[in-house]
Amino acid sequence: FSAYPNVAGIAGWTVIVGYIGTLALYAYTFGIY
């Protein structure tokens, strides 16, 4: 979707935030156990 740069941009930013969220999930679970 090169004609619409925001498509890739929004997806990319969302994935990065999602990865940060999962990192927090994994670290939280590590601390719990």
PDB file of all heavy atoms in Angstrom:
ATOM      1  N   PHE A   1       0.849  -1.204   0.000  1.00  0.00           N
ATOM      2  CA  PHE A   1       0.000   0.000   0.000  1.00  0.00           C
ATOM      3  C   PHE A   1       0.882   1.250   0.000  1.00  0.00           C
ATOM      4  O   PHE A   1       0.726   2.143   0.836  1.00  0.00           O
ATOM      5  CB  PHE A   1      -0.916  -0.014   1.225  1.00  0.00           C
ATOM      6  CG  PHE A   1      -1.754  -1.254   1.329  1.00  0.00           C
ATOM      7  CD1 PHE A   1      -1.425  -2.265   2.241  1.00  0.00           C
ATOM      8  CD2 PHE A   1      -2.855  -1.443   0.507  1.00  0.00           C
ATOM      9  CE1 PHE A   1      -2.179  -3.419   2.335  1.00  0.00           C
ATOM     10  CE2 PHE A   1      -3.629  -2.599   0.593  1.00  0.00           C
ATOM     11  CZ  PHE A   1      -3.284  -3.584   1.511  1.00  0.00           C
ATOM     12  N   SER A   2       1.803   1.298  -0.956  1.00  0.00           N
ATOM     13  CA  SER A   2       2.768   2.389  -1.013  1.00  0.00           C
ATOM     14  C   SER A   2       2.113   3.742  -1.256  1.00  0.00           C
ATOM     15  O   SER A   2       2.670   4.781  -0.893  1.00  0.00           O
ATOM     16  CB  SER A   2       3.812   2.116  -2.101  1.00  0.00           C
ATOM     17  OG  SER A   2       3.182   1.884  -3.351  1.00  0.00           O
ATOM     18  N   ALA A   3       0.936   3.747  -1.864  1.00  0.00           N
ATOM     19  CA  ALA A   3       0.232   5.012  -2.109  1.00  0.00           C
ATOM     20  C   ALA A   3      -0.398   5.567  -0.837  1.00  0.00           C
ATOM     21  O   ALA A   3      -0.803   6.733  -0.797  1.00  0.00           O
ATOM     22  CB  ALA A   3      -0.840   4.821  -3.180  1.00  0.00           C
ATOM     23  N   TYR A   4      -0.481   4.734   0.197  1.00  0.00           N
ATOM     24  CA  TYR A   4      -1.105   5.141   1.467  1.00  0.00           C
ATOM     25  C   TYR A   4      -0.136   4.823   2.608  1.00  0.00           C
ATOM     26  O   TYR A   4      -0.279   3.802   3.300  1.00  0.00           O
ATOM     27  CB  TYR A   4      -2.433   4.411   1.672  1.00  0.00           C
ATOM     28  CG  TYR A   4      -3.367   4.531   0.498  1.00  0.00           C
ATOM     29  CD1 TYR A   4      -3.447   3.519  -0.455  1.00  0.00           C
ATOM     30  CD2 TYR A   4      -4.166   5.671   0.324  1.00  0.00           C
ATOM     31  CE1 TYR A   4      -4.291   3.623  -1.539  1.00  0.00           C
ATOM     32  CE2 TYR A   4      -5.017   5.783  -0.751  1.00  0.00           C
ATOM     33  CZ  TYR A   4      -5.072   4.758  -1.695  1.00  0.00           C
ATOM     34  OH  TYR A   4      -5.913   4.868  -2.764  1.00  0.00           O
ATOM     35  N   PRO A   5       0.857   5.675   2.817  1.00  0.00           N
ATOM     36  CA  PRO A   5       1.915   5.379   3.804  1.00  0.00           C
ATOM     37  C   PRO A   5       1.413   5.184   5.225  1.00  0.00           C
ATOM     38  O   PRO A   5       2.065   4.496   6.022  1.00  0.00           O
ATOM     39  CB  PRO A   5       2.839   6.593   3.705  1.00  0.00           C
ATOM     40  CG  PRO A   5       2.015   7.670   3.088  1.00  0.00           C
ATOM     41  CD  PRO A   5       1.062   6.981   2.169  1.00  0.00           C
ATOM     42  N   ASN A   6       0.255   5.759   5.557  1.00  0.00           N
ATOM     43  CA  ASN A   6      -0.249   5.627   6.922  1.00  0.00           C
ATOM     44  C   ASN A   6      -0.690   4.202   7.241  1.00  0.00           C
ATOM     45  O   ASN A   6      -0.719   3.806   8.413  1.00  0.00           O
ATOM     46  CB  ASN A   6      -1.412   6.584   7.175  1.00  0.00           C
ATOM     47  CG  ASN A   6      -0.982   8.031   7.224  1.00  0.00           C
ATOM     48  OD1 ASN A   6      -1.511   8.868   6.486  1.00  0.00           O
ATOM     49  ND2 ASN A   6      -0.008   8.343   8.065  1.00  0.00           N
ATOM     50  N   VAL A   7      -1.037   3.417   6.225  1.00  0.00           N
ATOM     51  CA  VAL A   7      -1.452   2.034   6.467  1.00  0.00           C
ATOM     52  C   VAL A   7      -0.322   1.260   7.124  1.00  0.00           C
ATOM     53  O   VAL A   7      -0.486   0.637   8.180  1.00  0.00           O
ATOM     54  CB  VAL A   7      -1.884   1.351   5.150  1.00  0.00           C
ATOM     55  CG1 VAL A   7      -2.136  -0.139   5.391  1.00  0.00           C
ATOM     56  CG2 VAL A   7      -3.130   2.016   4.581  1.00  0.00           C
ATOM     57  N   ALA A   8       0.853   1.290   6.501  1.00  0.00           N
ATOM     58  CA  ALA A   8       2.012   0.595   7.062  1.00  0.00           C
ATOM     59  C   ALA A   8       2.461   1.241   8.372  1.00  0.00           C
ATOM     60  O   ALA A   8       2.859   0.546   9.320  1.00  0.00           O
ATOM     61  CB  ALA A   8       3.161   0.593   6.059  1.00  0.00           C
ATOM     62  N   GLY A   9       2.405   2.555   8.425  1.00  0.00           N
ATOM     63  CA  GLY A   9       2.855   3.265   9.612  1.00  0.00           C
ATOM     64  C   GLY A   9       2.024   2.930  10.838  1.00  0.00           C
ATOM     65  O   GLY A   9       2.567   2.616  11.911  1.00  0.00           O
ATOM     66  N   ILE A  10       0.697   2.984  10.693  1.00  0.00           N
ATOM     67  CA  ILE A  10      -0.189   2.681  11.822  1.00  0.00           C
ATOM     68  C   ILE A  10      -0.005   1.231  12.260  1.00  0.00           C
ATOM     69  O   ILE A  10       0.071   0.933  13.459  1.00  0.00           O
ATOM     70  CB  ILE A  10      -1.650   2.967  11.443  1.00  0.00           C
ATOM     71  CG1 ILE A  10      -1.863   4.482  11.290  1.00  0.00           C
ATOM     72  CG2 ILE A  10      -2.603   2.406  12.502  1.00  0.00           C
ATOM     73  CD1 ILE A  10      -3.226   4.853  10.760  1.00  0.00           C
ATOM     74  N   ALA A  11       0.073   0.318  11.288  1.00  0.00           N
ATOM     75  CA  ALA A  11       0.276  -1.097  11.621  1.00  0.00           C
ATOM     76  C   ALA A  11       1.604  -1.291  12.346  1.00  0.00           C
ATOM     77  O   ALA A  11       1.683  -2.022  13.339  1.00  0.00           O
ATOM     78  CB  ALA A  11       0.227  -1.950  10.361  1.00  0.00           C
ATOM     79  N   GLY A  12       2.652  -0.637  11.844  1.00  0.00           N
ATOM     80  CA  GLY A  12       3.964  -0.773  12.463  1.00  0.00           C
ATOM     81  C   GLY A  12       3.989  -0.259  13.886  1.00  0.00           C
ATOM     82  O   GLY A  12       4.512  -0.926  14.794  1.00  0.00           O
ATOM     83  N   TRP A  13       3.453   0.919  14.101  1.00  0.00           N
ATOM     84  CA  TRP A  13       3.408   1.477  15.450  1.00  0.00           C
ATOM     85  C   TRP A  13       2.584   0.589  16.376  1.00  0.00           C
ATOM     86  O   TRP A  13       2.949   0.370  17.536  1.00  0.00           O
ATOM     87  CB  TRP A  13       2.809   2.887  15.412  1.00  0.00           C
ATOM     88  CG  TRP A  13       3.753   3.956  14.953  1.00  0.00           C
ATOM     89  CD1 TRP A  13       4.538   3.932  13.836  1.00  0.00           C
ATOM     90  CD2 TRP A  13       3.998   5.214  15.581  1.00  0.00           C
ATOM     91  NE1 TRP A  13       5.260   5.100  13.734  1.00  0.00           N
ATOM     92  CE2 TRP A  13       4.949   5.911  14.782  1.00  0.00           C
ATOM     93  CE3 TRP A  13       3.513   5.834  16.723  1.00  0.00           C
ATOM     94  CZ2 TRP A  13       5.414   7.184  15.100  1.00  0.00           C
ATOM     95  CZ3 TRP A  13       3.972   7.111  17.052  1.00  0.00           C
ATOM     96  CH2 TRP A  13       4.920   7.771  16.248  1.00  0.00           C
ATOM     97  N   THR A  14       1.463   0.074  15.854  1.00  0.00           N
ATOM     98  CA  THR A  14       0.601  -0.777  16.664  1.00  0.00           C
ATOM     99  C   THR A  14       1.313  -2.057  17.068  1.00  0.00           C
ATOM    100  O   THR A  14       1.210  -2.520  18.210  1.00  0.00           O
ATOM    101  CB  THR A  14      -0.689  -1.118  15.891  1.00  0.00           C
ATOM    102  OG1 THR A  14      -1.355   0.092  15.522  1.00  0.00           O
ATOM    103  CG2 THR A  14      -1.628  -1.959  16.750  1.00  0.00           C
ATOM    104  N   VAL A  15       2.044  -2.653  16.126  1.00  0.00           N
ATOM    105  CA  VAL A  15       2.778  -3.879  16.435  1.00  0.00           C
ATOM    106  C   VAL A  15       3.839  -3.624  17.502  1.00  0.00           C
ATOM    107  O   VAL A  15       4.000  -4.419  18.435  1.00  0.00           O
ATOM    108  CB  VAL A  15       3.437  -4.457  15.159  1.00  0.00           C
ATOM    109  CG1 VAL A  15       4.420  -5.565  15.521  1.00  0.00           C
ATOM    110  CG2 VAL A  15       2.380  -4.996  14.220  1.00  0.00           C
ATOM    111  N   ILE A  16       4.556  -2.509  17.374  1.00  0.00           N
ATOM    112  CA  ILE A  16       5.596  -2.193  18.367  1.00  0.00           C
ATOM    113  C   ILE A  16       4.986  -2.052  19.759  1.00  0.00           C
ATOM    114  O   ILE A  16       5.497  -2.602  20.748  1.00  0.00           O
ATOM    115  CB  ILE A  16       6.348  -0.906  17.978  1.00  0.00           C
ATOM    116  CG1 ILE A  16       7.164  -1.116  16.692  1.00  0.00           C
ATOM    117  CG2 ILE A  16       7.259  -0.461  19.110  1.00  0.00           C
ATOM    118  CD1 ILE A  16       8.214  -2.203  16.789  1.00  0.00           C
ATOM    119  N   VAL A  17       3.871  -1.331  19.850  1.00  0.00           N
ATOM    120  CA  VAL A  17       3.196  -1.174  21.145  1.00  0.00           C
ATOM    121  C   VAL A  17       2.704  -2.535  21.637  1.00  0.00           C
ATOM    122  O   VAL A  17       2.769  -2.847  22.831  1.00  0.00           O
ATOM    123  CB  VAL A  17       2.035  -0.166  21.039  1.00  0.00           C
ATOM    124  CG1 VAL A  17       1.247  -0.126  22.341  1.00  0.00           C
ATOM    125  CG2 VAL A  17       2.562   1.226  20.718  1.00  0.00           C
ATOM    126  N   GLY A  18       2.212  -3.362  20.697  1.00  0.00           N
ATOM    127  CA  GLY A  18       1.773  -4.703  21.068  1.00  0.00           C
ATOM    128  C   GLY A  18       2.912  -5.539  21.617  1.00  0.00           C
ATOM    129  O   GLY A  18       2.751  -6.265  22.610  1.00  0.00           O
ATOM    130  N   TYR A  19       4.091  -5.438  20.996  1.00  0.00           N
ATOM    131  CA  TYR A  19       5.258  -6.172  21.490  1.00  0.00           C
ATOM    132  C   TYR A  19       5.673  -5.685  22.875  1.00  0.00           C
ATOM    133  O   TYR A  19       6.066  -6.481  23.738  1.00  0.00           O
ATOM    134  CB  TYR A  19       6.428  -6.013  20.521  1.00  0.00           C
ATOM    135  CG  TYR A  19       6.384  -6.934  19.329  1.00  0.00           C
ATOM    136  CD1 TYR A  19       6.734  -6.483  18.064  1.00  0.00           C
ATOM    137  CD2 TYR A  19       6.011  -8.272  19.470  1.00  0.00           C
ATOM    138  CE1 TYR A  19       6.702  -7.334  16.961  1.00  0.00           C
ATOM    139  CE2 TYR A  19       5.979  -9.120  18.379  1.00  0.00           C
ATOM    140  CZ  TYR A  19       6.328  -8.654  17.128  1.00  0.00           C
ATOM    141  OH  TYR A  19       6.303  -9.483  16.055  1.00  0.00           O
ATOM    142  N   ILE A  20       5.599  -4.381  23.089  1.00  0.00           N
ATOM    143  CA  ILE A  20       5.926  -3.851  24.417  1.00  0.00           C
ATOM    144  C   ILE A  20       4.933  -4.389  25.452  1.00  0.00           C
ATOM    145  O   ILE A  20       5.315  -4.747  26.578  1.00  0.00           O
ATOM    146  CB  ILE A  20       5.924  -2.307  24.397  1.00  0.00           C
ATOM    147  CG1 ILE A  20       7.101  -1.797  23.547  1.00  0.00           C
ATOM    148  CG2 ILE A  20       6.017  -1.743  25.815  1.00  0.00           C
ATOM    149  CD1 ILE A  20       7.085  -0.303  23.307  1.00  0.00           C
ATOM    150  N   GLY A  21       3.661  -4.479  25.048  1.00  0.00           N
ATOM    151  CA  GLY A  21       2.654  -5.042  25.934  1.00  0.00           C
ATOM    152  C   GLY A  21       2.924  -6.501  26.269  1.00  0.00           C
ATOM    153  O   GLY A  21       2.791  -6.929  27.423  1.00  0.00           O
ATOM    154  N   THR A  22       3.323  -7.282  25.256  1.00  0.00           N
ATOM    155  CA  THR A  22       3.603  -8.696  25.520  1.00  0.00           C
ATOM    156  C   THR A  22       4.876  -8.859  26.352  1.00  0.00           C
ATOM    157  O   THR A  22       4.963  -9.766  27.181  1.00  0.00           O
ATOM    158  CB  THR A  22       3.736  -9.498  24.209  1.00  0.00           C
ATOM    159  OG1 THR A  22       4.728  -8.894  23.370  1.00  0.00           O
ATOM    160  CG2 THR A  22       2.423  -9.562  23.475  1.00  0.00           C
ATOM    161  N   LEU A  23       5.855  -7.979  26.140  1.00  0.00           N
ATOM    162  CA  LEU A  23       7.043  -8.003  26.995  1.00  0.00           C
ATOM    163  C   LEU A  23       6.650  -7.784  28.462  1.00  0.00           C
ATOM    164  O   LEU A  23       7.153  -8.456  29.367  1.00  0.00           O
ATOM    165  CB  LEU A  23       8.034  -6.925  26.561  1.00  0.00           C
ATOM    166  CG  LEU A  23       9.022  -7.269  25.453  1.00  0.00           C
ATOM    167  CD1 LEU A  23       9.845  -6.032  25.078  1.00  0.00           C
ATOM    168  CD2 LEU A  23       9.947  -8.399  25.878  1.00  0.00           C
ATOM    169  N   ALA A  24       5.736  -6.829  28.664  1.00  0.00           N
ATOM    170  CA  ALA A  24       5.258  -6.564  30.018  1.00  0.00           C
ATOM    171  C   ALA A  24       4.519  -7.787  30.574  1.00  0.00           C
ATOM    172  O   ALA A  24       4.679  -8.139  31.747  1.00  0.00           O
ATOM    173  CB  ALA A  24       4.338  -5.341  30.017  1.00  0.00           C
ATOM    174  N   LEU A  25       3.725  -8.441  29.716  1.00  0.00           N
ATOM    175  CA  LEU A  25       3.000  -9.637  30.123  1.00  0.00           C
ATOM    176  C   LEU A  25       3.962 -10.744  30.548  1.00  0.00           C
ATOM    177  O   LEU A  25       3.795 -11.376  31.601  1.00  0.00           O
ATOM    178  CB  LEU A  25       2.119 -10.126  28.976  1.00  0.00           C
ATOM    179  CG  LEU A  25       1.463 -11.504  29.126  1.00  0.00           C
ATOM    180  CD1 LEU A  25       0.445 -11.494  30.255  1.00  0.00           C
ATOM    181  CD2 LEU A  25       0.809 -11.938  27.821  1.00  0.00           C
ATOM    182  N   TYR A  26       4.998 -10.980  29.735  1.00  0.00           N
ATOM    183  CA  TYR A  26       5.962 -12.038  30.045  1.00  0.00           C
ATOM    184  C   TYR A  26       6.741 -11.716  31.320  1.00  0.00           C
ATOM    185  O   TYR A  26       6.970 -12.590  32.163  1.00  0.00           O
ATOM    186  CB  TYR A  26       6.929 -12.224  28.878  1.00  0.00           C
ATOM    187  CG  TYR A  26       6.271 -12.581  27.576  1.00  0.00           C
ATOM    188  CD1 TYR A  26       6.816 -12.171  26.361  1.00  0.00           C
ATOM    189  CD2 TYR A  26       5.082 -13.320  27.540  1.00  0.00           C
ATOM    190  CE1 TYR A  26       6.215 -12.495  25.153  1.00  0.00           C
ATOM    191  CE2 TYR A  26       4.475 -13.637  26.338  1.00  0.00           C
ATOM    192  CZ  TYR A  26       5.047 -13.222  25.151  1.00  0.00           C
ATOM    193  OH  TYR A  26       4.452 -13.539  23.959  1.00  0.00           O
ATOM    194  N   ALA A  27       7.173 -10.461  31.446  1.00  0.00           N
ATOM    195  CA  ALA A  27       7.935 -10.070  32.635  1.00  0.00           C
ATOM    196  C   ALA A  27       7.067 -10.144  33.892  1.00  0.00           C
ATOM    197  O   ALA A  27       7.534 -10.569  34.963  1.00  0.00           O
ATOM    198  CB  ALA A  27       8.494  -8.663  32.457  1.00  0.00           C
ATOM    199  N   TYR A  28       5.812  -9.731  33.768  1.00  0.00           N
ATOM    200  CA  TYR A  28       4.870  -9.794  34.890  1.00  0.00           C
ATOM    201  C   TYR A  28       4.698 -11.242  35.338  1.00  0.00           C
ATOM    202  O   TYR A  28       4.750 -11.555  36.534  1.00  0.00           O
ATOM    203  CB  TYR A  28       3.532  -9.199  34.463  1.00  0.00           C
ATOM    204  CG  TYR A  28       2.486  -9.157  35.552  1.00  0.00           C
ATOM    205  CD1 TYR A  28       2.350  -8.035  36.362  1.00  0.00           C
ATOM    206  CD2 TYR A  28       1.619 -10.228  35.755  1.00  0.00           C
ATOM    207  CE1 TYR A  28       1.381  -7.992  37.365  1.00  0.00           C
ATOM    208  CE2 TYR A  28       0.658 -10.198  36.741  1.00  0.00           C
ATOM    209  CZ  TYR A  28       0.537  -9.078  37.541  1.00  0.00           C
ATOM    210  OH  TYR A  28      -0.414  -9.044  38.532  1.00  0.00           O
ATOM    211  N   THR A  29       4.497 -12.134  34.353  1.00  0.00           N
ATOM    212  CA  THR A  29       4.298 -13.549  34.680  1.00  0.00           C
ATOM    213  C   THR A  29       5.557 -14.155  35.296  1.00  0.00           C
ATOM    214  O   THR A  29       5.484 -14.981  36.216  1.00  0.00           O
ATOM    215  CB  THR A  29       3.902 -14.329  33.415  1.00  0.00           C
ATOM    216  OG1 THR A  29       2.769 -13.693  32.801  1.00  0.00           O
ATOM    217  CG2 THR A  29       3.530 -15.767  33.751  1.00  0.00           C
ATOM    218  N   PHE A  30       6.732 -13.757  34.790  1.00  0.00           N
ATOM    219  CA  PHE A  30       7.999 -14.213  35.373  1.00  0.00           C
ATOM    220  C   PHE A  30       8.058 -13.813  36.844  1.00  0.00           C
ATOM    221  O   PHE A  30       8.441 -14.621  37.708  1.00  0.00           O
ATOM    222  CB  PHE A  30       9.173 -13.601  34.611  1.00  0.00           C
ATOM    223  CG  PHE A  30      10.526 -14.015  35.125  1.00  0.00           C
ATOM    224  CD1 PHE A  30      11.193 -15.100  34.570  1.00  0.00           C
ATOM    225  CD2 PHE A  30      11.148 -13.318  36.157  1.00  0.00           C
ATOM    226  CE1 PHE A  30      12.443 -15.493  35.044  1.00  0.00           C
ATOM    227  CE2 PHE A  30      12.386 -13.697  36.638  1.00  0.00           C
ATOM    228  CZ  PHE A  30      13.036 -14.785  36.075  1.00  0.00           C
ATOM    229  N   GLY A  31       7.702 -12.574  37.132  1.00  0.00           N
ATOM    230  CA  GLY A  31       7.733 -12.102  38.511  1.00  0.00           C
ATOM    231  C   GLY A  31       6.751 -12.841  39.407  1.00  0.00           C
ATOM    232  O   GLY A  31       7.062 -13.162  40.555  1.00  0.00           O
ATOM    233  N   ILE A  32       5.565 -13.145  38.878  1.00  0.00           N
ATOM    234  CA  ILE A  32       4.541 -13.861  39.638  1.00  0.00           C
ATOM    235  C   ILE A  32       5.030 -15.254  40.038  1.00  0.00           C
ATOM    236  O   ILE A  32       4.988 -15.648  41.210  1.00  0.00           O
ATOM    237  CB  ILE A  32       3.243 -13.976  38.809  1.00  0.00           C
ATOM    238  CG1 ILE A  32       2.496 -12.627  38.789  1.00  0.00           C
ATOM    239  CG2 ILE A  32       2.334 -15.063  39.362  1.00  0.00           C
ATOM    240  CD1 ILE A  32       1.854 -12.260  40.103  1.00  0.00           C
ATOM    241  N   TYR A  33       5.499 -16.017  39.043  1.00  0.00           N
ATOM    242  CA  TYR A  33       5.938 -17.384  39.326  1.00  0.00           C
ATOM    243  C   TYR A  33       7.260 -17.398  40.099  1.00  0.00           C
ATOM    244  O   TYR A  33       7.511 -18.303  40.907  1.00  0.00           O
ATOM    245  CB  TYR A  33       6.072 -18.182  38.033  1.00  0.00           C
ATOM    246  CG  TYR A  33       4.748 -18.737  37.548  1.00  0.00           C
ATOM    247  CD1 TYR A  33       3.931 -17.989  36.704  1.00  0.00           C
ATOM    248  CD2 TYR A  33       4.313 -19.999  37.941  1.00  0.00           C
ATOM    249  CE1 TYR A  33       2.716 -18.480  36.263  1.00  0.00           C
ATOM    250  CE2 TYR A  33       3.101 -20.503  37.503  1.00  0.00           C
ATOM    251  CZ  TYR A  33       2.296 -19.747  36.667  1.00  0.00           C
ATOM    252  OH  TYR A  33       1.092 -20.230  36.242  1.00  0.00           O
TER     253      TYR A  33
END
